[in-house]
Amino acid sequence: MHGESGTEGTGAEGRRALLAVDDPALSLFLETLLEREGFAVTAARCDGSTLPLIAAGGFTLAVIDATQAAAEGLQAACGAALPVLALCAGAGSLPGAAAELRLPTDAVGLRAAILRCLAEPPAIDTDLVTTLWGGVDNPVYHRIVRVFLEDLRQRLANLEAAIKAGAQDAVEREAHSIKGAAATVGAAAIATIAAALETAAERGEARALSVMFARLRQVSAAGIAWLESLLAGDVSS
């Protein structure tokens, strides 16, 4: 079903949610609430049949029933590319989820959990830059950033080609290199997603790679824009 959208609160208008819940009543209830928060909802089973949907990408949020045996596998497929809201009962949990929501729940609890999931980290962690380099104005840091920007663009192109070719060893190597270089310039969000991509390639999770790469490109674009502004003199400590 598709209810009305556009309510205030989460800024989710135009976004898509994957709802992996087996219980029909719970699924219908959550679908209604998510649509009221502005999401277009795709309802699916909490089992392996949902993996192709995750791999196809295009989702902003995945809501997964953590009480089901397949939940951990679905969460792993989402990786860092797709934030997961885990539906938990009792003392259960889903390691790696962006947020957890205890059942039973209501509209207020769901909205708060969505906001936790969609919170965006800064493109560049300036506190980390200060720890590593003494501040964003350090000329040495600027030189490192110039090298990083050139290298990142090339490695993203290499990653895309490797994913299309199914060369998971190459994906793992490129993601590992991006992870280390990004950490050096304080691009913690890029480093986190690259690390998840590296792990997915190492585990042979081929269907998750394209989804995670799309998220990596998105976060990298924000990081590149910030760093280019810094080099242009538009950012200072």
Protein backbone atom coordinates (compact mmCIF):
# COMPACT_ATOMS: atom_id res chain seq x y z
CA MET A 1 0.00 0.00 0.00
CA HIS A 2 1.06 3.64 -0.42
CA GLY A 3 -0.31 6.15 2.04
CA GLU A 4 0.06 9.90 2.12
CA SER A 5 3.55 11.35 2.42
CA GLY A 6 5.19 14.65 3.21
CA THR A 7 4.76 14.95 6.98
CA GLU A 8 7.30 16.99 8.85
CA GLY A 9 10.00 15.45 11.00
CA THR A 10 12.55 13.36 9.13
CA GLY A 11 13.12 15.26 5.91
CA ALA A 12 12.63 11.93 4.14
CA GLU A 13 10.51 13.13 1.21
CA GLY A 14 11.53 11.47 -2.04
CA ARG A 15 13.47 8.70 -0.29
CA ARG A 16 13.00 4.95 -0.50
CA ALA A 17 12.81 2.43 2.33
CA LEU A 18 13.29 -1.33 2.09
CA LEU A 19 11.10 -3.05 4.66
CA ALA A 20 12.26 -6.62 5.36
CA VAL A 21 9.61 -7.91 7.76
CA ASP A 22 7.84 -11.28 7.56
CA ASP A 23 4.92 -10.62 9.89
CA PRO A 24 2.11 -9.22 7.67
CA ALA A 25 0.48 -7.08 10.36
CA LEU A 26 3.77 -5.55 11.52
CA SER A 27 4.85 -4.98 7.93
CA LEU A 28 1.61 -3.17 7.08
CA PHE A 29 1.83 -1.05 10.24
CA LEU A 30 5.43 0.01 9.57
CA GLU A 31 4.77 0.60 5.88
CA THR A 32 2.00 3.01 6.80
CA LEU A 33 4.21 4.91 9.25
CA LEU A 34 7.14 5.06 6.83
CA GLU A 35 4.93 6.43 4.06
CA ARG A 36 3.65 9.10 6.43
CA GLU A 37 7.29 10.06 6.95
CA GLY A 38 7.68 10.57 3.20
CA PHE A 39 9.24 7.26 2.17
CA ALA A 40 8.31 5.20 -0.84
CA VAL A 41 8.30 1.70 0.66
CA THR A 42 9.27 -1.63 -0.88
CA ALA A 43 8.03 -4.47 1.35
CA ALA A 44 10.01 -7.72 1.21
CA ARG A 45 10.70 -10.91 3.11
CA CYS A 46 13.38 -11.12 5.78
CA ASP A 47 15.29 -13.84 3.94
CA GLY A 48 17.72 -14.37 1.09
CA SER A 49 15.16 -13.40 -1.54
CA THR A 50 15.68 -9.78 -0.50
CA LEU A 51 19.42 -9.73 -1.32
CA PRO A 52 18.87 -8.81 -5.00
CA LEU A 53 16.82 -5.79 -3.91
CA ILE A 54 19.68 -4.61 -1.70
CA ALA A 55 22.19 -5.18 -4.49
CA ALA A 56 20.05 -3.23 -6.96
CA GLY A 57 20.41 -0.17 -4.76
CA GLY A 58 18.37 3.02 -4.70
CA PHE A 59 17.27 2.76 -1.08
CA THR A 60 17.83 5.38 1.60
CA LEU A 61 17.02 3.14 4.54
CA ALA A 62 16.58 -0.58 5.27
CA VAL A 63 14.25 -1.65 8.07
CA ILE A 64 15.07 -5.22 9.04
CA ASP A 65 13.35 -7.53 11.53
CA ALA A 66 16.27 -8.51 13.77
CA THR A 67 14.23 -11.34 15.31
CA GLN A 68 14.57 -13.35 12.08
CA ALA A 69 17.47 -15.71 11.38
CA ALA A 70 18.35 -14.04 8.07
CA ALA A 71 18.60 -10.53 9.56
CA GLU A 72 22.36 -10.61 10.10
CA GLY A 73 23.00 -11.64 6.50
CA LEU A 74 20.79 -8.86 5.16
CA GLN A 75 22.50 -6.31 7.39
CA ALA A 76 25.91 -7.45 6.17
CA ALA A 77 24.77 -7.03 2.56
CA CYS A 78 23.69 -3.46 3.33
CA GLY A 79 27.15 -2.74 4.74
CA ALA A 80 28.01 0.91 5.28
CA ALA A 81 26.28 1.89 2.05
CA LEU A 82 22.74 1.53 3.36
CA PRO A 83 21.82 2.44 6.95
CA VAL A 84 19.89 -0.28 8.76
CA LEU A 85 17.13 0.24 11.30
CA ALA A 86 16.88 -3.02 13.24
CA LEU A 87 13.59 -4.06 14.79
CA CYS A 88 14.46 -5.82 18.04
CA ALA A 89 12.54 -7.66 20.75
CA GLY A 90 13.64 -8.24 24.32
CA ALA A 91 17.41 -8.15 24.70
CA GLY A 92 18.04 -8.93 21.02
CA SER A 93 20.20 -6.74 18.82
CA LEU A 94 21.67 -6.57 15.33
CA PRO A 95 25.41 -5.70 15.35
CA GLY A 96 26.29 -3.06 12.79
CA ALA A 97 22.83 -1.52 12.58
CA ALA A 98 22.69 2.29 12.44
CA ALA A 99 19.88 2.27 15.01
CA GLU A 100 17.70 -0.20 16.88
CA LEU A 101 14.00 0.07 17.60
CA ARG A 102 12.36 -2.03 20.32
CA LEU A 103 9.07 -3.71 19.52
CA PRO A 104 6.28 -2.87 19.99
CA THR A 105 6.76 0.67 18.69
CA ASP A 106 4.75 3.70 17.58
CA ALA A 107 5.09 6.63 15.18
CA VAL A 108 7.15 8.73 17.60
CA GLY A 109 9.64 5.93 18.26
CA LEU A 110 9.98 5.15 14.58
CA ARG A 111 10.59 8.79 13.68
CA ALA A 112 13.33 9.12 16.29
CA ALA A 113 15.00 5.94 15.01
CA ILE A 114 14.84 7.17 11.40
CA LEU A 115 16.55 10.41 12.38
CA ARG A 116 19.34 8.44 14.08
CA CYS A 117 19.80 6.33 10.96
CA LEU A 118 19.90 9.24 8.52
CA ALA A 119 22.22 11.47 10.51
CA GLU A 120 25.04 12.39 8.14
CA PRO A 121 28.63 12.61 9.42
CA PRO A 122 30.68 15.63 8.31
CA ALA A 123 32.55 15.20 5.04
CA ILE A 124 35.84 15.84 6.87
CA ASP A 125 36.49 15.26 10.57
CA THR A 126 38.33 18.50 11.40
CA ASP A 127 39.05 17.30 14.94
CA LEU A 128 40.92 14.35 13.45
CA VAL A 129 42.77 16.69 11.07
CA THR A 130 43.82 18.81 14.03
CA THR A 131 45.07 15.72 15.85
CA LEU A 132 47.04 14.52 12.83
CA TRP A 133 48.22 17.79 11.30
CA GLY A 134 47.63 20.55 13.84
CA GLY A 135 44.78 22.07 11.84
CA VAL A 136 43.34 22.42 8.34
CA ASP A 137 45.62 25.38 7.54
CA ASN A 138 48.83 23.37 7.77
CA PRO A 139 50.64 23.67 4.37
CA VAL A 140 51.86 20.08 4.67
CA TYR A 141 48.27 18.94 5.08
CA HIS A 142 47.33 20.86 1.95
CA ARG A 143 50.02 19.05 -0.04
CA ILE A 144 48.76 15.71 1.22
CA VAL A 145 45.22 16.70 0.27
CA ARG A 146 46.25 17.50 -3.32
CA VAL A 147 47.82 14.07 -3.69
CA PHE A 148 44.80 12.43 -2.06
CA LEU A 149 42.30 14.11 -4.40
CA GLU A 150 44.15 13.01 -7.52
CA ASP A 151 44.60 9.49 -6.17
CA LEU A 152 40.99 9.18 -4.99
CA ARG A 153 39.51 10.00 -8.39
CA GLN A 154 41.68 7.39 -10.07
CA ARG A 155 40.97 4.72 -7.47
CA LEU A 156 37.22 5.30 -7.69
CA ALA A 157 37.46 4.73 -11.44
CA ASN A 158 39.53 1.60 -10.81
CA LEU A 159 36.98 0.36 -8.28
CA GLU A 160 34.06 0.85 -10.64
CA ALA A 161 35.87 -1.08 -13.38
CA ALA A 162 36.81 -3.88 -10.97
CA ILE A 163 33.25 -4.25 -9.70
CA LYS A 164 31.87 -4.40 -13.24
CA ALA A 165 34.48 -7.02 -14.12
CA GLY A 166 33.76 -9.07 -11.00
CA ALA A 167 37.42 -8.75 -9.95
CA GLN A 168 36.92 -8.93 -6.21
CA ASP A 169 40.65 -9.09 -5.42
CA ALA A 170 41.11 -5.76 -7.21
CA VAL A 171 38.09 -4.33 -5.40
CA GLU A 172 39.60 -5.33 -2.08
CA ARG A 173 42.98 -3.74 -2.94
CA GLU A 174 41.51 -0.46 -4.17
CA ALA A 175 39.13 -0.15 -1.23
CA HIS A 176 41.99 -0.83 1.17
CA SER A 177 44.07 1.94 -0.40
CA ILE A 178 41.19 4.42 -0.28
CA LYS A 179 40.55 3.55 3.36
CA GLY A 180 44.12 4.32 4.43
CA ALA A 181 44.48 7.48 2.37
CA ALA A 182 41.12 8.86 3.50
CA ALA A 183 42.01 8.36 7.15
CA THR A 184 45.21 10.33 6.58
CA VAL A 185 43.30 13.45 5.46
CA GLY A 186 40.53 13.12 8.04
CA ALA A 187 37.90 11.83 5.60
CA ALA A 188 36.49 9.43 8.18
CA ALA A 189 33.19 8.83 6.36
CA ILE A 190 35.02 7.79 3.18
CA ALA A 191 37.37 5.59 5.17
CA THR A 192 34.48 3.85 6.95
CA ILE A 193 32.62 2.96 3.77
CA ALA A 194 35.82 1.93 1.99
CA ALA A 195 36.59 -0.39 4.90
CA ALA A 196 33.15 -1.98 4.63
CA LEU A 197 33.61 -2.37 0.88
CA GLU A 198 36.99 -4.01 1.44
CA THR A 199 35.44 -6.46 3.90
CA ALA A 200 32.57 -7.28 1.55
CA ALA A 201 35.01 -8.02 -1.26
CA GLU A 202 37.15 -10.15 1.04
CA ARG A 203 34.06 -12.18 2.02
CA GLY A 204 32.95 -12.58 -1.59
CA GLU A 205 29.71 -10.64 -1.09
CA ALA A 206 29.53 -9.70 -4.76
CA ARG A 207 25.90 -8.59 -4.75
CA ALA A 208 26.57 -5.94 -2.09
CA LEU A 209 29.51 -4.28 -3.85
CA SER A 210 27.61 -2.10 -6.32
CA VAL A 211 25.35 -0.75 -3.56
CA MET A 212 28.29 0.07 -1.32
CA PHE A 213 30.25 1.61 -4.17
CA ALA A 214 27.35 3.94 -4.99
CA ARG A 215 27.38 5.15 -1.39
CA LEU A 216 31.17 5.51 -1.47
CA ARG A 217 30.95 7.72 -4.55
CA GLN A 218 28.28 9.83 -2.90
CA VAL A 219 30.31 10.38 0.26
CA SER A 220 33.49 10.90 -1.76
CA ALA A 221 31.83 13.68 -3.76
CA ALA A 222 31.05 15.53 -0.54
CA GLY A 223 34.61 15.02 0.74
CA ILE A 224 36.15 16.18 -2.54
CA ALA A 225 33.99 19.31 -2.57
CA TRP A 226 35.03 20.20 0.99
CA LEU A 227 38.72 19.62 0.37
CA GLU A 228 38.67 21.60 -2.89
CA SER A 229 37.05 24.49 -1.03
CA LEU A 230 39.81 24.26 1.56
CA LEU A 231 42.53 24.45 -1.11
CA ALA A 232 40.72 27.39 -2.73
CA GLY A 233 40.87 29.28 0.57
CA ASP A 234 37.17 29.07 1.33
CA VAL A 235 37.65 27.01 4.52
CA SER A 236 39.83 27.84 7.52
CA SER A 237 40.30 26.60 11.06
